[in-house]
């Protein structure tokens, strides 16, 4: 074990967990303060009545991982999707710790039609023959063209609606995209920035691609592959990693809430569980609001956010008439917008499948408010019966339903600016502290971003 002072990591997000694991493997001692939270955060999943679930859709983007990549030390959170430069390292990390397998192509339901998914998987089969956008609308010289969506300056302020109308056309957008946005975000696509469209799980295709697909011509855009650990749950793998970290020699874990955090004479002092721990360098993996409070900074101005209704259920496998793994529901006669069958994703043949539904709380509230309206669980059980072609709702065993309030901050211009300002303020009052996840700004808390952030920290501190 290294004779250096233990690295001090405060927080519970995935980046902190990845950093702790990498440091321990290199022989560096680690002091880990989880602030009373489960390690891995959202990605650690949940257990309901003895059954493990991911919290909604959590699919792995396992990149090809071929060829050399730059050192993780060069990762830049301010560059959109910068994690992709480190694809080989991300793939190697996943392969060693999760042994991921390719999952079936996600599916989509729109206008009562069922087929391969175009929202996240790039499959455009459903468009063949529709001729909704027979010719490209704009050329690549137009700054609104989707070729500029990553770095083009127009996309600093361009709404998704404006970008989609220019690239997709009104007919395709209104039929295939906007209903899904309304359910998932409880907002219009004019309410958020096009550059961050993946926060709403909606695509931004090149107009040439859509035009070819609508004419039934070959599309050069390959299907986007998704992967999962062998057991079909990201949360199980993350929880197993957390267990290995906390049990490792050289790792000291304090699970109590942090009481104070301050910098004095160039050294950090962190009080937790009645003890004061000092360190020259500090890694932070807390929620921004929590970090602001501990550093006694002004409260963050609340931003517009959407809530998510979830139900965790078991479905009798012998009654399933339509097998689903990950299924998107665009049709607005359903409150549900996404279904994930954890056991189908794993390719497991079990008597009962673990299924998670994500749905619009606004839609559910409207249904429940009807005279003699059904309960939320009853609505979702009936929708699951219809979506999976079950003989009756008796095939469904709801275990738990709840609403995650303000779970997703909309990527509005104000929200992105607020995240940027928060990160800058934290960097100023906490010089030398290493920020991770949402502390670095908007849109850099994805699974893959946090892997690279954790590897970067381990390189800096080893």
Protein backbone atom coordinates (compact mmCIF):
# COMPACT_ATOMS: atom_id res chain seq x y z
CA UNK A 1 0.00 0.00 0.00
CA UNK A 2 1.26 3.48 -0.85
CA UNK A 3 2.67 5.61 1.96
CA UNK A 4 0.82 8.64 0.59
CA UNK A 5 -2.02 10.07 2.67
CA UNK A 6 -5.36 8.46 1.81
CA UNK A 7 -7.27 10.08 -1.02
CA UNK A 8 -10.38 11.79 0.34
CA UNK A 9 -13.55 11.24 -1.70
CA UNK A 10 -16.82 12.80 -0.57
CA UNK A 11 -20.06 11.71 -2.21
CA UNK A 12 -21.77 8.68 -3.65
CA UNK A 13 -22.04 9.14 -7.40
CA UNK A 14 -20.63 6.69 -9.94
CA UNK A 15 -17.54 8.81 -10.66
CA UNK A 16 -16.52 8.66 -6.97
CA UNK A 17 -17.02 4.89 -6.98
CA UNK A 18 -14.98 4.43 -10.18
CA UNK A 19 -12.20 6.65 -8.81
CA UNK A 20 -12.09 4.78 -5.50
CA UNK A 21 -11.94 1.42 -7.28
CA UNK A 22 -9.14 2.55 -9.62
CA UNK A 23 -7.10 4.10 -6.79
CA UNK A 24 -7.40 1.01 -4.61
CA UNK A 25 -6.29 -1.19 -7.50
CA UNK A 26 -3.18 0.97 -7.80
CA UNK A 27 -2.39 0.51 -4.12
CA UNK A 28 -3.56 3.93 -2.99
CA UNK A 29 -5.46 4.17 0.31
CA UNK A 30 -8.88 5.80 0.13
CA UNK A 31 -11.16 7.47 2.65
CA UNK A 32 -14.70 7.45 1.31
CA UNK A 33 -17.49 9.56 2.82
CA UNK A 34 -20.84 8.57 1.30
CA UNK A 35 -22.84 11.36 3.01
CA UNK A 36 -25.48 8.87 4.10
CA UNK A 37 -26.25 7.73 0.55
CA UNK A 38 -25.87 4.42 -1.30
CA UNK A 39 -22.77 4.26 -3.46
CA UNK A 40 -23.44 4.48 -7.17
CA UNK A 41 -26.42 6.82 -6.82
CA UNK A 42 -29.16 6.35 -9.41
CA UNK A 43 -27.13 3.65 -11.18
CA UNK A 44 -27.14 1.38 -8.12
CA UNK A 45 -30.80 0.54 -8.77
CA UNK A 46 -33.28 -0.45 -6.10
CA UNK A 47 -34.63 -3.54 -4.32
CA UNK A 48 -38.39 -4.02 -4.00
CA UNK A 49 -39.82 -6.94 -2.02
CA UNK A 50 -36.62 -8.91 -2.53
CA UNK A 51 -36.41 -8.24 -6.28
CA UNK A 52 -33.71 -6.05 -7.85
CA UNK A 53 -34.58 -3.44 -10.48
CA UNK A 54 -32.88 -0.66 -12.36
CA UNK A 55 -34.65 2.67 -11.86
CA UNK A 56 -36.27 3.01 -15.25
CA UNK A 57 -34.31 2.53 -18.45
CA UNK A 58 -30.58 2.17 -17.86
CA UNK A 59 -28.90 0.77 -20.99
CA UNK A 60 -25.16 0.66 -21.46
CA UNK A 61 -23.55 2.46 -24.36
CA UNK A 62 -20.58 0.17 -24.82
CA UNK A 63 -18.41 1.77 -27.51
CA UNK A 64 -16.42 -0.22 -30.01
CA UNK A 65 -13.27 0.20 -27.95
CA UNK A 66 -10.73 -0.32 -30.74
CA UNK A 67 -7.48 1.53 -31.26
CA UNK A 68 -5.63 3.92 -28.96
CA UNK A 69 -7.29 6.70 -27.04
CA UNK A 70 -5.90 9.74 -25.24
CA UNK A 71 -5.14 9.61 -21.56
CA UNK A 72 -8.20 10.12 -19.36
CA UNK A 73 -6.33 13.05 -17.84
CA UNK A 74 -7.31 14.99 -20.99
CA UNK A 75 -11.09 14.62 -20.47
CA UNK A 76 -12.91 17.95 -20.70
CA UNK A 77 -16.38 18.13 -19.20
CA UNK A 78 -17.19 21.37 -21.03
CA UNK A 79 -16.98 19.56 -24.40
CA UNK A 80 -20.27 17.88 -25.31
CA UNK A 81 -19.96 14.06 -25.29
CA UNK A 82 -16.21 14.24 -24.73
CA UNK A 83 -16.32 10.74 -23.23
CA UNK A 84 -16.45 9.33 -26.77
CA UNK A 85 -12.75 10.17 -27.24
CA UNK A 86 -12.01 7.61 -24.52
CA UNK A 87 -14.14 4.80 -25.93
CA UNK A 88 -11.46 2.08 -25.66
CA UNK A 89 -10.96 2.81 -21.96
CA UNK A 90 -14.71 2.87 -21.30
CA UNK A 91 -15.16 -0.43 -23.15
CA UNK A 92 -12.28 -2.05 -21.26
CA UNK A 93 -13.68 -0.85 -17.93
CA UNK A 94 -17.12 -2.28 -18.73
CA UNK A 95 -15.75 -5.56 -20.07
CA UNK A 96 -13.72 -6.22 -16.93
CA UNK A 97 -16.35 -5.26 -14.37
CA UNK A 98 -19.69 -5.95 -16.07
CA UNK A 99 -19.15 -8.43 -18.94
CA UNK A 100 -21.83 -6.68 -21.01
CA UNK A 101 -23.89 -8.42 -23.68
CA UNK A 102 -25.71 -6.91 -26.64
CA UNK A 103 -29.43 -6.58 -25.90
CA UNK A 104 -32.31 -6.92 -28.38
CA UNK A 105 -33.09 -3.88 -30.48
CA UNK A 106 -35.40 -1.53 -28.55
CA UNK A 107 -38.88 -1.26 -30.03
CA UNK A 108 -41.36 1.58 -30.51
CA UNK A 109 -45.12 1.93 -30.78
CA UNK A 110 -46.56 4.81 -32.82
CA UNK A 111 -50.02 5.17 -34.39
CA UNK A 112 -50.68 1.63 -33.23
CA UNK A 113 -47.75 0.33 -35.26
CA UNK A 114 -45.02 -1.68 -33.59
CA UNK A 115 -41.44 -1.89 -34.90
CA UNK A 116 -37.72 -1.28 -34.28
CA UNK A 117 -37.06 1.90 -32.35
CA UNK A 118 -36.08 5.17 -34.03
CA UNK A 119 -35.89 7.30 -30.89
CA UNK A 120 -32.64 5.93 -29.45
CA UNK A 121 -31.59 3.02 -31.70
CA UNK A 122 -31.51 4.83 -35.10
CA UNK A 123 -33.75 2.24 -36.76
CA UNK A 124 -35.91 4.01 -39.33
CA UNK A 125 -37.83 0.99 -40.65
CA UNK A 126 -41.24 2.46 -39.82
CA UNK A 127 -40.65 5.36 -42.21
CA UNK A 128 -40.29 3.30 -45.37
CA UNK A 129 -42.93 4.34 -47.87
CA UNK A 130 -44.39 7.22 -45.85
CA UNK A 131 -42.78 9.90 -48.08
CA UNK A 132 -43.35 12.39 -45.26
CA UNK A 133 -40.05 14.09 -46.08
CA UNK A 134 -39.27 13.11 -49.65
CA UNK A 135 -36.49 15.68 -50.06
CA UNK A 136 -33.93 17.13 -47.63
CA UNK A 137 -35.21 20.39 -46.17
CA UNK A 138 -31.91 22.19 -45.66
CA UNK A 139 -28.35 21.66 -46.84
CA UNK A 140 -25.23 21.27 -44.76
CA UNK A 141 -24.29 24.92 -45.16
CA UNK A 142 -27.28 25.92 -43.04
CA UNK A 143 -26.10 26.41 -39.41
CA UNK A 144 -29.28 24.64 -38.24
CA UNK A 145 -28.29 21.43 -40.05
CA UNK A 146 -27.84 18.58 -37.57
CA UNK A 147 -24.23 18.17 -38.65
CA UNK A 148 -23.54 21.22 -36.44
CA UNK A 149 -25.42 19.98 -33.35
CA UNK A 150 -22.32 19.17 -31.27
CA UNK A 151 -20.26 22.33 -31.70
CA UNK A 152 -22.10 24.77 -33.97
CA UNK A 153 -22.61 28.16 -32.25
CA UNK A 154 -26.24 28.39 -33.43
CA UNK A 155 -26.97 25.37 -31.25
CA UNK A 156 -26.05 27.37 -28.16
CA UNK A 157 -29.55 28.86 -28.31
CA UNK A 158 -31.49 26.82 -30.89
CA UNK A 159 -34.54 25.02 -29.48
CA UNK A 160 -35.13 21.38 -30.27
CA UNK A 161 -38.38 22.30 -32.01
CA UNK A 162 -36.62 24.72 -34.37
CA UNK A 163 -33.84 22.25 -35.11
CA UNK A 164 -36.30 19.38 -35.61
CA UNK A 165 -38.55 21.37 -37.92
CA UNK A 166 -35.55 22.38 -40.05
CA UNK A 167 -34.07 18.87 -40.20
CA UNK A 168 -37.11 16.60 -39.88
CA UNK A 169 -40.02 18.66 -41.20
CA UNK A 170 -43.27 19.48 -39.43
CA UNK A 171 -45.22 16.36 -40.41
CA UNK A 172 -42.60 13.89 -39.15
CA UNK A 173 -41.90 15.89 -36.01
CA UNK A 174 -45.57 16.20 -35.00
CA UNK A 175 -46.31 12.54 -35.60
CA UNK A 176 -43.16 10.73 -34.45
CA UNK A 177 -41.47 13.00 -31.90
CA UNK A 178 -43.65 15.61 -30.20
CA UNK A 179 -46.12 13.18 -28.53
CA UNK A 180 -43.22 11.38 -26.86
CA UNK A 181 -41.72 14.69 -25.68
CA UNK A 182 -45.04 15.80 -24.18
CA UNK A 183 -45.33 12.60 -22.17
CA UNK A 184 -41.74 12.29 -21.04
CA UNK A 185 -40.92 15.93 -20.31
CA UNK A 186 -44.39 17.39 -19.74
CA UNK A 187 -43.19 20.18 -21.99
CA UNK A 188 -43.02 21.24 -25.60
CA UNK A 189 -39.93 20.59 -27.67
CA UNK A 190 -39.66 24.37 -28.05
CA UNK A 191 -38.86 24.52 -24.32
CA UNK A 192 -35.39 22.97 -24.40
CA UNK A 193 -32.11 23.30 -26.28
CA UNK A 194 -31.48 21.12 -29.31
CA UNK A 195 -27.88 20.45 -28.30
CA UNK A 196 -29.12 18.54 -25.26
CA UNK A 197 -31.85 16.61 -27.05
CA UNK A 198 -30.70 13.28 -25.62
CA UNK A 199 -31.83 14.45 -22.18
CA UNK A 200 -35.34 13.90 -23.59
CA UNK A 201 -34.40 10.65 -25.38
CA UNK A 202 -35.27 12.12 -28.78
CA UNK A 203 -33.09 12.08 -31.92
CA UNK A 204 -31.85 14.79 -34.24
CA UNK A 205 -31.34 13.21 -37.64
CA UNK A 206 -29.73 14.66 -40.72
CA UNK A 207 -32.49 15.62 -43.18
CA UNK A 208 -30.80 13.54 -45.89
CA UNK A 209 -31.07 10.45 -43.69
CA UNK A 210 -34.79 10.91 -43.10
CA UNK A 211 -35.46 11.60 -46.76
CA UNK A 212 -33.74 8.35 -47.77
CA UNK A 213 -35.60 6.36 -45.12
CA UNK A 214 -38.98 7.77 -46.17
CA UNK A 215 -38.27 6.78 -49.78
CA UNK A 216 -37.46 3.25 -48.64
CA UNK A 217 -33.82 3.60 -49.71
CA UNK A 218 -30.88 2.15 -47.75
CA UNK A 219 -29.83 4.32 -44.84
CA UNK A 220 -26.13 4.53 -44.09
CA UNK A 221 -26.76 5.27 -40.42
CA UNK A 222 -26.08 2.04 -38.48
CA UNK A 223 -28.25 0.86 -35.62
CA UNK A 224 -27.02 2.17 -32.29
CA UNK A 225 -26.23 -0.88 -30.15
CA UNK A 226 -27.01 -1.15 -26.46
CA UNK A 227 -25.64 -3.56 -23.91
CA UNK A 228 -26.39 -4.82 -20.41
CA UNK A 229 -24.56 -6.88 -17.82
CA UNK A 230 -25.25 -10.59 -18.06
CA UNK A 231 -27.86 -10.47 -15.29
CA UNK A 232 -29.85 -7.75 -17.10
CA UNK A 233 -29.35 -5.11 -14.41
CA UNK A 234 -26.83 -2.31 -14.34
CA UNK A 235 -27.69 -1.74 -10.68
CA UNK A 236 -26.58 -5.23 -9.65
CA UNK A 237 -23.14 -4.72 -11.21
CA UNK A 238 -22.76 -1.26 -9.69
CA UNK A 239 -23.80 -2.55 -6.26
CA UNK A 240 -21.31 -5.43 -6.57
CA UNK A 241 -18.56 -2.94 -7.46
CA UNK A 242 -19.50 -0.84 -4.43
CA UNK A 243 -19.26 -3.92 -2.20
CA UNK A 244 -15.79 -4.75 -3.53
CA UNK A 245 -14.62 -1.19 -2.94
CA UNK A 246 -15.83 -0.91 0.65
CA UNK A 247 -14.41 -4.33 1.53
CA UNK A 248 -11.02 -3.66 -0.05
CA UNK A 249 -7.92 -3.37 2.05
CA UNK A 250 -6.98 0.28 2.20
CA UNK A 251 -10.53 1.62 1.98
CA UNK A 252 -12.08 3.36 4.94
CA UNK A 253 -15.79 4.19 4.62
CA UNK A 254 -17.86 6.62 6.70
CA UNK A 255 -21.55 6.39 5.83
CA UNK A 256 -22.91 9.13 8.10
CA UNK A 257 -23.98 12.48 6.63
CA UNK A 258 -21.17 15.00 6.27
CA UNK A 259 -21.53 17.76 8.86
CA UNK A 260 -19.22 20.43 7.46
CA UNK A 261 -16.76 21.04 4.67
CA UNK A 262 -14.29 23.91 4.48
CA UNK A 263 -10.87 24.97 3.27
CA UNK A 264 -8.44 26.45 5.81
CA UNK A 265 -4.82 27.41 5.17
CA UNK A 266 -4.70 25.43 1.97
CA UNK A 267 -6.02 22.20 3.50
CA UNK A 268 -9.49 20.69 3.55
CA UNK A 269 -11.28 19.92 6.78
CA UNK A 270 -14.29 17.60 6.56
CA UNK A 271 -16.35 16.80 9.63
CA UNK A 272 -18.28 13.54 9.58
CA UNK A 273 -19.68 11.37 12.37
CA UNK A 274 -17.95 13.53 15.01
CA UNK A 275 -14.54 13.24 13.35
CA UNK A 276 -12.57 15.87 11.45
CA UNK A 277 -10.67 14.51 8.46
CA UNK A 278 -7.98 16.59 6.76
CA UNK A 279 -6.68 16.38 3.20
CA UNK A 280 -4.72 18.52 0.76
CA UNK A 281 -6.91 17.44 -2.17
CA UNK A 282 -10.56 16.57 -2.26
CA UNK A 283 -12.92 14.80 -4.67
CA UNK A 284 -16.59 15.80 -4.59
CA UNK A 285 -19.42 13.65 -5.92
CA UNK A 286 -22.44 15.25 -4.26
CA UNK A 287 -25.61 16.75 -5.67
CA UNK A 288 -25.08 20.46 -6.44
CA UNK A 289 -27.64 21.57 -3.84
CA UNK A 290 -25.94 19.51 -1.16
CA UNK A 291 -22.51 20.80 -2.10
CA UNK A 292 -23.73 24.41 -2.04
CA UNK A 293 -25.16 23.92 1.44
CA UNK A 294 -21.97 22.35 2.84
CA UNK A 295 -19.83 25.14 1.39
CA UNK A 296 -22.32 27.76 2.64
CA UNK A 297 -22.99 29.14 -0.81
CA UNK A 298 -26.32 30.70 -1.75
CA UNK A 299 -29.04 28.22 -2.66
CA UNK A 300 -29.29 27.36 -6.34
CA UNK A 301 -32.20 28.95 -8.16
CA UNK A 302 -34.68 26.13 -8.93
CA UNK A 303 -34.95 25.29 -12.62
CA UNK A 304 -37.86 23.85 -14.52
CA UNK A 305 -37.94 20.10 -14.02
CA UNK A 306 -40.21 17.19 -14.83
CA UNK A 307 -41.35 14.33 -12.62
CA UNK A 308 -41.47 10.64 -13.50
CA UNK A 309 -44.02 8.04 -12.40
CA UNK A 310 -42.62 4.53 -12.05
CA UNK A 311 -44.08 1.15 -11.29
CA UNK A 312 -42.06 -1.95 -10.48
CA UNK A 313 -43.95 -5.13 -11.26
CA UNK A 314 -43.65 -8.84 -11.88
CA UNK A 315 -45.26 -10.32 -15.00
CA UNK A 316 -45.95 -14.04 -15.43
CA UNK A 317 -43.74 -15.02 -18.36
CA UNK A 318 -46.03 -17.77 -19.68
CA UNK A 319 -48.77 -15.14 -20.20
CA UNK A 320 -46.65 -12.73 -22.26
CA UNK A 321 -48.12 -12.49 -25.75
CA UNK A 322 -45.76 -9.76 -26.99
CA UNK A 323 -42.20 -9.99 -25.77
CA UNK A 324 -40.65 -6.63 -24.97
CA UNK A 325 -37.16 -5.83 -23.76
CA UNK A 326 -37.00 -2.03 -23.98
CA UNK A 327 -40.08 -0.49 -25.56
CA UNK A 328 -40.92 3.17 -26.28
CA UNK A 329 -44.57 4.22 -26.43
CA UNK A 330 -45.21 7.33 -28.52
CA UNK A 331 -49.00 6.95 -28.71
CA UNK A 332 -50.68 9.41 -26.36
CA UNK A 333 -53.58 7.15 -25.46
CA UNK A 334 -51.07 5.52 -23.10
CA UNK A 335 -49.71 7.29 -20.01
CA UNK A 336 -46.71 4.96 -20.25
CA UNK A 337 -43.83 6.12 -22.40
CA UNK A 338 -41.29 3.36 -21.68
CA UNK A 339 -41.30 -0.29 -20.61
CA UNK A 340 -38.20 -2.26 -19.61
CA UNK A 341 -38.31 -6.01 -19.04
CA UNK A 342 -35.16 -6.66 -17.03
CA UNK A 343 -35.21 -10.42 -17.59
CA UNK A 344 -35.85 -10.13 -21.34
CA UNK A 345 -32.88 -7.76 -21.54
CA UNK A 346 -30.77 -10.46 -19.90
CA UNK A 347 -32.22 -13.23 -22.09
CA UNK A 348 -33.35 -15.06 -18.96
CA UNK A 349 -36.19 -17.59 -18.90
CA UNK A 350 -37.81 -17.03 -15.52
CA UNK A 351 -41.32 -17.72 -14.26
CA UNK A 352 -41.87 -14.04 -13.46
CA UNK A 353 -40.24 -11.18 -15.34
CA UNK A 354 -39.20 -8.00 -13.55
CA UNK A 355 -40.72 -5.09 -15.47
CA UNK A 356 -40.42 -1.32 -14.94
CA UNK A 357 -42.86 1.17 -16.46
CA UNK A 358 -42.12 4.88 -16.74
CA UNK A 359 -45.12 7.13 -17.25
CA UNK A 360 -46.37 10.70 -17.25
CA UNK A 361 -47.57 11.80 -13.78
CA UNK A 362 -49.77 14.47 -15.39
CA UNK A 363 -51.51 11.89 -17.58
CA UNK A 364 -51.96 9.51 -14.65
CA UNK A 365 -53.38 12.27 -12.46
CA UNK A 366 -55.90 13.15 -15.16
CA UNK A 367 -57.03 9.52 -15.41
CA UNK A 368 -57.32 9.15 -11.64
CA UNK A 369 -59.32 12.40 -11.39
CA UNK A 370 -62.12 11.02 -13.54
CA UNK A 371 -65.32 10.04 -11.73
CA UNK A 372 -64.67 6.65 -10.14
CA UNK A 373 -61.26 6.77 -11.82
CA UNK A 374 -58.90 3.84 -11.31
CA UNK A 375 -55.84 3.99 -9.10
CA UNK A 376 -52.44 4.77 -10.59
CA UNK A 377 -51.39 1.14 -10.15
CA UNK A 378 -54.58 -0.04 -11.85
CA UNK A 379 -54.01 2.27 -14.83
CA UNK A 380 -50.44 1.11 -15.29
CA UNK A 381 -51.32 -2.56 -14.81
CA UNK A 382 -53.95 -2.27 -17.53
CA UNK A 383 -51.51 -0.49 -19.85
CA UNK A 384 -48.95 -3.21 -19.25
CA UNK A 385 -51.59 -5.83 -20.04
CA UNK A 386 -52.28 -4.11 -23.36
CA UNK A 387 -48.64 -3.46 -24.29
CA UNK A 388 -47.46 -7.01 -23.53
CA UNK A 389 -50.66 -8.69 -24.80
CA UNK A 390 -51.41 -10.36 -21.47
CA UNK A 391 -54.69 -12.24 -20.98
CA UNK A 392 -55.65 -10.08 -17.98
CA UNK A 393 -54.19 -7.85 -15.29
CA UNK A 394 -54.06 -10.95 -13.10
CA UNK A 395 -50.82 -11.69 -14.97
CA UNK A 396 -49.30 -8.56 -13.36
CA UNK A 397 -48.13 -8.30 -9.75
CA UNK A 398 -47.48 -4.61 -8.99
CA UNK A 399 -44.86 -4.33 -6.26
CA UNK A 400 -44.40 -0.60 -5.88
CA UNK A 401 -45.31 2.63 -7.64
CA UNK A 402 -44.14 6.14 -6.88
CA UNK A 403 -43.48 9.52 -8.46
CA UNK A 404 -39.90 10.79 -8.59
CA UNK A 405 -40.51 14.52 -8.17
CA UNK A 406 -38.50 16.89 -10.37
CA UNK A 407 -36.28 14.01 -11.41
CA UNK A 408 -35.15 15.56 -14.67
CA UNK A 409 -34.12 19.19 -15.05
CA UNK A 410 -35.09 20.36 -18.54
CA UNK A 411 -32.10 21.41 -20.64
CA UNK A 412 -33.30 24.96 -21.09
CA UNK A 413 -30.90 27.81 -21.77
CA UNK A 414 -31.48 29.01 -18.20
CA UNK A 415 -30.75 25.58 -16.70
CA UNK A 416 -27.57 25.09 -18.69
CA UNK A 417 -26.40 28.59 -17.71
CA UNK A 418 -27.27 27.92 -14.06
CA UNK A 419 -25.25 24.68 -14.03
CA UNK A 420 -22.32 26.49 -15.62
CA UNK A 421 -22.48 29.29 -13.05
CA UNK A 422 -22.75 26.81 -10.18
CA UNK A 423 -19.67 24.92 -11.40
CA UNK A 424 -17.73 28.16 -11.71
CA UNK A 425 -18.74 29.27 -8.21
CA UNK A 426 -17.72 25.91 -6.74
CA UNK A 427 -14.37 26.01 -8.52
CA UNK A 428 -13.75 29.47 -7.06
CA UNK A 429 -14.57 28.65 -3.43
CA UNK A 430 -13.10 25.15 -3.58
CA UNK A 431 -9.78 25.57 -5.46
CA UNK A 432 -8.10 22.25 -6.04
CA UNK A 433 -11.22 20.24 -5.28
CA UNK A 434 -12.05 17.77 -8.05
CA UNK A 435 -15.69 18.04 -9.13
CA UNK A 436 -17.64 15.19 -10.72
CA UNK A 437 -21.06 14.45 -12.20
CA UNK A 438 -23.59 17.26 -12.17
CA UNK A 439 -21.11 19.48 -10.28
CA UNK A 440 -19.29 19.84 -13.61
CA UNK A 441 -22.31 21.20 -15.46
CA UNK A 442 -25.36 20.03 -17.38
CA UNK A 443 -25.25 16.82 -19.39
CA UNK A 444 -22.03 15.30 -18.00
CA UNK A 445 -23.48 12.86 -15.49
CA UNK A 446 -24.08 10.00 -17.95
CA UNK A 447 -22.79 6.55 -17.05
CA UNK A 448 -19.91 6.84 -19.53
CA UNK A 449 -19.01 10.41 -18.59
CA UNK A 450 -18.70 9.37 -14.97
CA UNK A 451 -16.51 6.39 -15.84
CA UNK A 452 -14.04 8.69 -17.58
CA UNK A 453 -14.24 11.25 -14.76
CA UNK A 454 -13.41 8.55 -12.21
CA UNK A 455 -10.48 7.28 -14.27
CA UNK A 456 -9.23 10.84 -14.70
CA UNK A 457 -9.28 11.44 -10.94
CA UNK A 458 -7.42 8.18 -10.28
CA UNK A 459 -4.67 9.29 -12.66
CA UNK A 460 -4.43 12.68 -11.00
CA UNK A 461 -4.24 11.28 -7.46
CA UNK A 462 -2.21 8.09 -7.86
